[in-house]
Amino acid sequence: DKPFGASFPAITIRDMVRSQYELM
């Protein structure tokens, strides 16, 4: 119930595209 902050998982460009694919 707090912001992820520095604990937010490491992401890549490919993760960004996968999330866009889900939106598509």
PDB file of all heavy atoms in Angstrom:
ATOM      1  N   ASP A   1       0.821  -1.212   0.000  1.00  0.00           N
ATOM      2  CA  ASP A   1       0.000   0.000   0.000  1.00  0.00           C
ATOM      3  C   ASP A   1       0.859   1.267   0.000  1.00  0.00           C
ATOM      4  O   ASP A   1       0.400   2.333   0.414  1.00  0.00           O
ATOM      5  CB  ASP A   1      -0.957   0.037   1.199  1.00  0.00           C
ATOM      6  CG  ASP A   1      -2.138  -0.892   1.002  1.00  0.00           C
ATOM      7  OD1 ASP A   1      -2.508  -1.112  -0.169  1.00  0.00           O
ATOM      8  OD2 ASP A   1      -2.670  -1.389   2.000  1.00  0.00           O
ATOM      9  N   LYS A   2       2.087   1.147  -0.459  1.00  0.00           N
ATOM     10  CA  LYS A   2       2.992   2.285  -0.602  1.00  0.00           C
ATOM     11  C   LYS A   2       3.555   2.288  -2.018  1.00  0.00           C
ATOM     12  O   LYS A   2       3.540   1.252  -2.700  1.00  0.00           O
ATOM     13  CB  LYS A   2       4.130   2.194   0.418  1.00  0.00           C
ATOM     14  CG  LYS A   2       3.678   2.283   1.867  1.00  0.00           C
ATOM     15  CD  LYS A   2       4.884   2.181   2.807  1.00  0.00           C
ATOM     16  CE  LYS A   2       4.435   2.267   4.258  1.00  0.00           C
ATOM     17  NZ  LYS A   2       5.601   2.146   5.191  1.00  0.00           N
ATOM     18  N   PRO A   3       4.066   3.436  -2.496  1.00  0.00           N
ATOM     19  CA  PRO A   3       4.672   3.451  -3.826  1.00  0.00           C
ATOM     20  C   PRO A   3       5.813   2.431  -3.936  1.00  0.00           C
ATOM     21  O   PRO A   3       6.542   2.185  -2.966  1.00  0.00           O
ATOM     22  CB  PRO A   3       5.201   4.877  -3.960  1.00  0.00           C
ATOM     23  CG  PRO A   3       4.354   5.686  -3.029  1.00  0.00           C
ATOM     24  CD  PRO A   3       4.056   4.775  -1.878  1.00  0.00           C
ATOM     25  N   PHE A   4       5.949   1.822  -5.113  1.00  0.00           N
ATOM     26  CA  PHE A   4       7.037   0.873  -5.342  1.00  0.00           C
ATOM     27  C   PHE A   4       8.393   1.509  -5.031  1.00  0.00           C
ATOM     28  O   PHE A   4       9.257   0.885  -4.427  1.00  0.00           O
ATOM     29  CB  PHE A   4       7.044   0.410  -6.804  1.00  0.00           C
ATOM     30  CG  PHE A   4       6.070  -0.665  -7.133  1.00  0.00           C
ATOM     31  CD1 PHE A   4       4.861  -0.364  -7.749  1.00  0.00           C
ATOM     32  CD2 PHE A   4       6.368  -1.988  -6.860  1.00  0.00           C
ATOM     33  CE1 PHE A   4       3.966  -1.371  -8.083  1.00  0.00           C
ATOM     34  CE2 PHE A   4       5.483  -3.000  -7.189  1.00  0.00           C
ATOM     35  CZ  PHE A   4       4.274  -2.695  -7.801  1.00  0.00           C
ATOM     36  N   GLY A   5       8.594   2.747  -5.473  1.00  0.00           N
ATOM     37  CA  GLY A   5       9.872   3.406  -5.285  1.00  0.00           C
ATOM     38  C   GLY A   5      10.997   2.596  -5.903  1.00  0.00           C
ATOM     39  O   GLY A   5      10.870   2.038  -7.002  1.00  0.00           O
ATOM     40  N   ALA A   6      12.104   2.468  -5.181  1.00  0.00           N
ATOM     41  CA  ALA A   6      13.269   1.762  -5.699  1.00  0.00           C
ATOM     42  C   ALA A   6      13.049   0.264  -5.821  1.00  0.00           C
ATOM     43  O   ALA A   6      13.846  -0.438  -6.459  1.00  0.00           O
ATOM     44  CB  ALA A   6      14.479   2.035  -4.815  1.00  0.00           C
ATOM     45  N   SER A   7      11.963  -0.266  -5.237  1.00  0.00           N
ATOM     46  CA  SER A   7      11.691  -1.699  -5.326  1.00  0.00           C
ATOM     47  C   SER A   7      10.995  -2.082  -6.627  1.00  0.00           C
ATOM     48  O   SER A   7      10.762  -3.276  -6.877  1.00  0.00           O
ATOM     49  CB  SER A   7      10.832  -2.157  -4.139  1.00  0.00           C
ATOM     50  OG  SER A   7       9.499  -1.653  -4.250  1.00  0.00           O
ATOM     51  N   PHE A   8      10.645  -1.103  -7.450  1.00  0.00           N
ATOM     52  CA  PHE A   8       9.990  -1.428  -8.725  1.00  0.00           C
ATOM     53  C   PHE A   8      10.930  -2.309  -9.541  1.00  0.00           C
ATOM     54  O   PHE A   8      12.118  -2.007  -9.685  1.00  0.00           O
ATOM     55  CB  PHE A   8       9.649  -0.155  -9.499  1.00  0.00           C
ATOM     56  CG  PHE A   8       8.843  -0.412 -10.742  1.00  0.00           C
ATOM     57  CD1 PHE A   8       7.516  -0.813 -10.650  1.00  0.00           C
ATOM     58  CD2 PHE A   8       9.410  -0.258 -11.998  1.00  0.00           C
ATOM     59  CE1 PHE A   8       6.767  -1.064 -11.790  1.00  0.00           C
ATOM     60  CE2 PHE A   8       8.668  -0.504 -13.148  1.00  0.00           C
ATOM     61  CZ  PHE A   8       7.343  -0.910 -13.037  1.00  0.00           C
ATOM     62  N   PRO A   9      10.421  -3.416 -10.104  1.00  0.00           N
ATOM     63  CA  PRO A   9      11.298  -4.360 -10.804  1.00  0.00           C
ATOM     64  C   PRO A   9      12.004  -3.730 -12.006  1.00  0.00           C
ATOM     65  O   PRO A   9      11.474  -2.814 -12.654  1.00  0.00           O
ATOM     66  CB  PRO A   9      10.332  -5.457 -11.265  1.00  0.00           C
ATOM     67  CG  PRO A   9       9.153  -5.331 -10.388  1.00  0.00           C
ATOM     68  CD  PRO A   9       9.029  -3.884 -10.054  1.00  0.00           C
ATOM     69  N   ALA A  10      13.193  -4.235 -12.293  1.00  0.00           N
ATOM     70  CA  ALA A  10      13.938  -3.779 -13.471  1.00  0.00           C
ATOM     71  C   ALA A  10      13.196  -4.179 -14.729  1.00  0.00           C
ATOM     72  O   ALA A  10      12.754  -5.322 -14.875  1.00  0.00           O
ATOM     73  CB  ALA A  10      15.342  -4.370 -13.462  1.00  0.00           C
ATOM     74  N   ILE A  11      13.045  -3.228 -15.643  1.00  0.00           N
ATOM     75  CA  ILE A  11      12.321  -3.468 -16.884  1.00  0.00           C
ATOM     76  C   ILE A  11      13.227  -3.197 -18.074  1.00  0.00           C
ATOM     77  O   ILE A  11      14.291  -2.592 -17.948  1.00  0.00           O
ATOM     78  CB  ILE A  11      11.058  -2.585 -16.982  1.00  0.00           C
ATOM     79  CG1 ILE A  11      11.438  -1.091 -16.888  1.00  0.00           C
ATOM     80  CG2 ILE A  11      10.036  -2.962 -15.919  1.00  0.00           C
ATOM     81  CD1 ILE A  11      10.272  -0.146 -17.119  1.00  0.00           C
ATOM     82  N   THR A  12      12.783  -3.660 -19.246  1.00  0.00           N
ATOM     83  CA  THR A  12      13.519  -3.449 -20.492  1.00  0.00           C
ATOM     84  C   THR A  12      12.585  -2.839 -21.536  1.00  0.00           C
ATOM     85  O   THR A  12      11.374  -2.755 -21.336  1.00  0.00           O
ATOM     86  CB  THR A  12      14.078  -4.773 -21.035  1.00  0.00           C
ATOM     87  OG1 THR A  12      12.980  -5.603 -21.471  1.00  0.00           O
ATOM     88  CG2 THR A  12      14.898  -5.511 -19.976  1.00  0.00           C
ATOM     89  N   ILE A  13      13.159  -2.469 -22.653  1.00  0.00           N
ATOM     90  CA  ILE A  13      12.346  -1.951 -23.765  1.00  0.00           C
ATOM     91  C   ILE A  13      11.359  -3.016 -24.228  1.00  0.00           C
ATOM     92  O   ILE A  13      10.213  -2.714 -24.573  1.00  0.00           O
ATOM     93  CB  ILE A  13      13.247  -1.511 -24.937  1.00  0.00           C
ATOM     94  CG1 ILE A  13      14.324  -0.523 -24.477  1.00  0.00           C
ATOM     95  CG2 ILE A  13      12.394  -0.882 -26.050  1.00  0.00           C
ATOM     96  CD1 ILE A  13      13.796   0.730 -23.833  1.00  0.00           C
ATOM     97  N   ARG A  14      11.799  -4.263 -24.206  1.00  0.00           N
ATOM     98  CA  ARG A  14      10.922  -5.346 -24.654  1.00  0.00           C
ATOM     99  C   ARG A  14       9.716  -5.508 -23.732  1.00  0.00           C
ATOM    100  O   ARG A  14       8.623  -5.847 -24.188  1.00  0.00           O
ATOM    101  CB  ARG A  14      11.717  -6.649 -24.747  1.00  0.00           C
ATOM    102  CG  ARG A  14      12.815  -6.572 -25.804  1.00  0.00           C
ATOM    103  CD  ARG A  14      13.726  -7.787 -25.813  1.00  0.00           C
ATOM    104  NE  ARG A  14      14.925  -7.520 -26.611  1.00  0.00           N
ATOM    105  CZ  ARG A  14      15.925  -8.366 -26.771  1.00  0.00           C
ATOM    106  NH1 ARG A  14      15.880  -9.553 -26.177  1.00  0.00           N
ATOM    107  NH2 ARG A  14      16.978  -8.046 -27.510  1.00  0.00           N
ATOM    108  N   ASP A  15       9.889  -5.238 -22.445  1.00  0.00           N
ATOM    109  CA  ASP A  15       8.748  -5.259 -21.525  1.00  0.00           C
ATOM    110  C   ASP A  15       7.753  -4.156 -21.885  1.00  0.00           C
ATOM    111  O   ASP A  15       6.530  -4.365 -21.805  1.00  0.00           O
ATOM    112  CB  ASP A  15       9.222  -5.072 -20.087  1.00  0.00           C
ATOM    113  CG  ASP A  15      10.065  -6.238 -19.585  1.00  0.00           C
ATOM    114  OD1 ASP A  15       9.766  -7.380 -19.957  1.00  0.00           O
ATOM    115  OD2 ASP A  15      11.014  -5.983 -18.823  1.00  0.00           O
ATOM    116  N   MET A  16       8.267  -2.992 -22.254  1.00  0.00           N
ATOM    117  CA  MET A  16       7.391  -1.896 -22.664  1.00  0.00           C
ATOM    118  C   MET A  16       6.557  -2.304 -23.868  1.00  0.00           C
ATOM    119  O   MET A  16       5.340  -2.058 -23.933  1.00  0.00           O
ATOM    120  CB  MET A  16       8.215  -0.661 -23.004  1.00  0.00           C
ATOM    121  CG  MET A  16       9.003  -0.079 -21.849  1.00  0.00           C
ATOM    122  SD  MET A  16      10.050   1.301 -22.396  1.00  0.00           S
ATOM    123  CE  MET A  16      10.954   1.653 -20.880  1.00  0.00           C
ATOM    124  N   VAL A  17       7.207  -2.963 -24.831  1.00  0.00           N
ATOM    125  CA  VAL A  17       6.507  -3.377 -26.045  1.00  0.00           C
ATOM    126  C   VAL A  17       5.496  -4.477 -25.734  1.00  0.00           C
ATOM    127  O   VAL A  17       4.393  -4.493 -26.286  1.00  0.00           O
ATOM    128  CB  VAL A  17       7.522  -3.823 -27.118  1.00  0.00           C
ATOM    129  CG1 VAL A  17       6.814  -4.429 -28.323  1.00  0.00           C
ATOM    130  CG2 VAL A  17       8.370  -2.626 -27.567  1.00  0.00           C
ATOM    131  N   ARG A  18       5.847  -5.394 -24.843  1.00  0.00           N
ATOM    132  CA  ARG A  18       4.886  -6.436 -24.468  1.00  0.00           C
ATOM    133  C   ARG A  18       3.633  -5.837 -23.840  1.00  0.00           C
ATOM    134  O   ARG A  18       2.516  -6.303 -24.072  1.00  0.00           O
ATOM    135  CB  ARG A  18       5.529  -7.429 -23.493  1.00  0.00           C
ATOM    136  CG  ARG A  18       6.527  -8.377 -24.145  1.00  0.00           C
ATOM    137  CD  ARG A  18       6.948  -9.493 -23.200  1.00  0.00           C
ATOM    138  NE  ARG A  18       7.992 -10.316 -23.803  1.00  0.00           N
ATOM    139  CZ  ARG A  18       9.299 -10.126 -23.626  1.00  0.00           C
ATOM    140  NH1 ARG A  18       9.718  -9.141 -22.842  1.00  0.00           N
ATOM    141  NH2 ARG A  18      10.175 -10.908 -24.219  1.00  0.00           N
ATOM    142  N   SER A  19       3.807  -4.807 -23.027  1.00  0.00           N
ATOM    143  CA  SER A  19       2.633  -4.178 -22.419  1.00  0.00           C
ATOM    144  C   SER A  19       1.804  -3.458 -23.486  1.00  0.00           C
ATOM    145  O   SER A  19       0.565  -3.451 -23.410  1.00  0.00           O
ATOM    146  CB  SER A  19       3.064  -3.202 -21.316  1.00  0.00           C
ATOM    147  OG  SER A  19       3.731  -2.076 -21.842  1.00  0.00           O
ATOM    148  N   GLN A  20       2.465  -2.883 -24.493  1.00  0.00           N
ATOM    149  CA  GLN A  20       1.742  -2.257 -25.599  1.00  0.00           C
ATOM    150  C   GLN A  20       0.988  -3.309 -26.412  1.00  0.00           C
ATOM    151  O   GLN A  20      -0.124  -3.049 -26.905  1.00  0.00           O
ATOM    152  CB  GLN A  20       2.708  -1.486 -26.494  1.00  0.00           C
ATOM    153  CG  GLN A  20       3.285  -0.240 -25.859  1.00  0.00           C
ATOM    154  CD  GLN A  20       4.409   0.350 -26.678  1.00  0.00           C
ATOM    155  OE1 GLN A  20       5.084  -0.345 -27.445  1.00  0.00           O
ATOM    156  NE2 GLN A  20       4.648   1.644 -26.515  1.00  0.00           N
ATOM    157  N   TYR A  21       1.588  -4.475 -26.561  1.00  0.00           N
ATOM    158  CA  TYR A  21       0.910  -5.580 -27.266  1.00  0.00           C
ATOM    159  C   TYR A  21      -0.384  -5.955 -26.543  1.00  0.00           C
ATOM    160  O   TYR A  21      -1.421  -6.188 -27.183  1.00  0.00           O
ATOM    161  CB  TYR A  21       1.839  -6.786 -27.364  1.00  0.00           C
ATOM    162  CG  TYR A  21       1.139  -8.037 -27.830  1.00  0.00           C
ATOM    163  CD1 TYR A  21       0.860  -8.235 -29.187  1.00  0.00           C
ATOM    164  CD2 TYR A  21       0.739  -9.019 -26.924  1.00  0.00           C
ATOM    165  CE1 TYR A  21       0.200  -9.381 -29.616  1.00  0.00           C
ATOM    166  CE2 TYR A  21       0.080 -10.164 -27.348  1.00  0.00           C
ATOM    167  CZ  TYR A  21      -0.183 -10.345 -28.692  1.00  0.00           C
ATOM    168  OH  TYR A  21      -0.841 -11.464 -29.114  1.00  0.00           O
ATOM    169  N   GLU A  22      -0.332  -6.001 -25.207  1.00  0.00           N
ATOM    170  CA  GLU A  22      -1.541  -6.307 -24.434  1.00  0.00           C
ATOM    171  C   GLU A  22      -2.620  -5.261 -24.692  1.00  0.00           C
ATOM    172  O   GLU A  22      -3.805  -5.589 -24.827  1.00  0.00           O
ATOM    173  CB  GLU A  22      -1.211  -6.368 -22.943  1.00  0.00           C
ATOM    174  CG  GLU A  22      -0.284  -7.498 -22.546  1.00  0.00           C
ATOM    175  CD  GLU A  22      -0.934  -8.861 -22.636  1.00  0.00           C
ATOM    176  OE1 GLU A  22      -2.181  -8.932 -22.616  1.00  0.00           O
ATOM    177  OE2 GLU A  22      -0.195  -9.868 -22.730  1.00  0.00           O
ATOM    178  N   LEU A  23      -2.212  -3.997 -24.756  1.00  0.00           N
ATOM    179  CA  LEU A  23      -3.164  -2.919 -25.062  1.00  0.00           C
ATOM    180  C   LEU A  23      -3.724  -3.087 -26.473  1.00  0.00           C
ATOM    181  O   LEU A  23      -4.930  -2.919 -26.697  1.00  0.00           O
ATOM    182  CB  LEU A  23      -2.481  -1.559 -24.915  1.00  0.00           C
ATOM    183  CG  LEU A  23      -3.314  -0.339 -25.307  1.00  0.00           C
ATOM    184  CD1 LEU A  23      -4.534  -0.190 -24.400  1.00  0.00           C
ATOM    185  CD2 LEU A  23      -2.465   0.932 -25.266  1.00  0.00           C
ATOM    186  N   MET A  24      -2.863  -3.405 -27.395  1.00  0.00           N
ATOM    187  CA  MET A  24      -3.280  -3.628 -28.783  1.00  0.00           C
ATOM    188  C   MET A  24      -4.366  -4.695 -28.863  1.00  0.00           C
ATOM    189  O   MET A  24      -5.375  -4.523 -29.566  1.00  0.00           O
ATOM    190  CB  MET A  24      -2.068  -4.055 -29.617  1.00  0.00           C
ATOM    191  CG  MET A  24      -2.359  -4.384 -31.064  1.00  0.00           C
ATOM    192  SD  MET A  24      -0.899  -5.127 -31.848  1.00  0.00           S
ATOM    193  CE  MET A  24      -1.381  -5.074 -33.571  1.00  0.00           C
TER     194      MET A  24
END
